[in-house]
Amino acid sequence: MQLVSAIRVVRQHKYWGWLISLAALGICLFLRIYIREYGDFLGAGAFLPAVMIAALFGGIVEGITVFIICVRIVLLFCSALPLIPN
């Protein structure tokens, strides 16, 4: 019940949702860099909590924005999916 009231307070202030979303994205990006040495497949899953937190606290627009940023990061920096075929 306290979580629901905390989310309502955050959603009343427009920029708090964006700040929490970007902070979650930064933390998950750091975790992705840290666990990438164990395998590239683990790094892609590290962004899922950032998208869920962004959608929960910010709303649909923040969730979709963070999702698009995460997809671009994974496609640009993931060596398992080369953009130029040999």
Protein backbone atom coordinates (compact mmCIF):
# COMPACT_ATOMS: atom_id res chain seq x y z
CA MET A 1 0.00 0.00 0.00
CA GLN A 2 2.88 2.36 0.71
CA LEU A 3 4.33 1.65 -2.72
CA VAL A 4 1.10 2.72 -4.41
CA SER A 5 1.01 6.00 -2.50
CA ALA A 6 4.70 6.61 -3.31
CA ILE A 7 4.01 6.06 -7.01
CA ARG A 8 1.10 8.50 -6.88
CA VAL A 9 3.32 11.17 -5.33
CA VAL A 10 5.97 10.65 -8.00
CA ARG A 11 3.43 10.79 -10.83
CA GLN A 12 2.08 14.11 -9.54
CA HIS A 13 5.47 15.68 -10.26
CA LYS A 14 6.28 15.35 -13.94
CA TYR A 15 10.08 15.41 -13.77
CA TRP A 16 10.47 12.98 -10.87
CA GLY A 17 9.38 10.10 -13.11
CA TRP A 18 11.99 11.04 -15.70
CA LEU A 19 14.70 11.35 -13.03
CA ILE A 20 13.88 7.97 -11.54
CA SER A 21 13.71 6.42 -15.02
CA LEU A 22 17.10 7.78 -16.06
CA ALA A 23 18.65 6.79 -12.73
CA ALA A 24 17.37 3.23 -13.17
CA LEU A 25 18.74 3.21 -16.72
CA GLY A 26 22.15 4.36 -15.50
CA ILE A 27 22.27 1.72 -12.77
CA CYS A 28 21.25 -1.02 -15.20
CA LEU A 29 23.82 0.19 -17.74
CA PHE A 30 26.49 -0.06 -15.06
CA LEU A 31 25.30 -3.57 -14.18
CA ARG A 32 25.34 -4.53 -17.86
CA ILE A 33 28.95 -3.41 -18.21
CA TYR A 34 29.88 -5.23 -15.01
CA ILE A 35 28.23 -8.59 -15.86
CA ARG A 36 29.15 -8.56 -19.54
CA GLU A 37 32.33 -10.48 -18.76
CA TYR A 38 30.18 -13.47 -17.82
CA GLY A 39 28.50 -13.51 -21.23
CA ASP A 40 26.77 -11.19 -23.67
CA PHE A 41 23.42 -12.89 -23.14
CA LEU A 42 23.33 -11.65 -19.53
CA GLY A 43 23.90 -8.05 -20.53
CA ALA A 44 20.72 -7.74 -22.58
CA GLY A 45 18.57 -8.89 -19.66
CA ALA A 46 20.06 -6.27 -17.36
CA PHE A 47 17.92 -3.56 -18.95
CA LEU A 48 14.56 -5.17 -18.16
CA PRO A 49 14.36 -3.70 -14.62
CA ALA A 50 15.09 -0.22 -16.00
CA VAL A 51 12.15 -0.46 -18.39
CA MET A 52 9.84 -1.80 -15.68
CA ILE A 53 10.83 0.90 -13.17
CA ALA A 54 10.46 3.62 -15.82
CA ALA A 55 6.97 2.43 -16.75
CA LEU A 56 5.92 2.03 -13.11
CA PHE A 57 7.08 5.39 -11.81
CA GLY A 58 7.04 7.52 -14.95
CA GLY A 59 4.29 6.11 -17.09
CA ILE A 60 3.97 4.73 -20.60
CA VAL A 61 5.95 7.48 -22.35
CA GLU A 62 8.92 7.11 -20.02
CA GLY A 63 8.79 3.31 -20.27
CA ILE A 64 8.76 3.35 -24.07
CA THR A 65 11.57 5.93 -24.17
CA VAL A 66 13.78 3.90 -21.86
CA PHE A 67 12.97 0.76 -23.87
CA ILE A 68 14.06 2.43 -27.12
CA ILE A 69 17.29 3.65 -25.51
CA CYS A 70 17.97 0.14 -24.16
CA VAL A 71 17.38 -1.47 -27.56
CA ARG A 72 19.78 0.96 -29.21
CA ILE A 73 22.45 0.32 -26.58
CA VAL A 74 22.12 -3.44 -26.94
CA LEU A 75 22.23 -3.31 -30.75
CA LEU A 76 25.19 -0.95 -30.85
CA PHE A 77 27.37 -2.55 -28.20
CA CYS A 78 26.46 -6.22 -28.30
CA SER A 79 29.11 -8.19 -30.16
CA ALA A 80 26.77 -11.18 -30.55
CA LEU A 81 24.67 -9.26 -33.10
CA PRO A 82 27.01 -7.73 -35.68
CA LEU A 83 25.46 -4.97 -37.75
CA ILE A 84 27.64 -5.60 -40.82
CA PRO A 85 27.75 -9.23 -42.02
CA ASN A 86 31.08 -10.66 -43.12
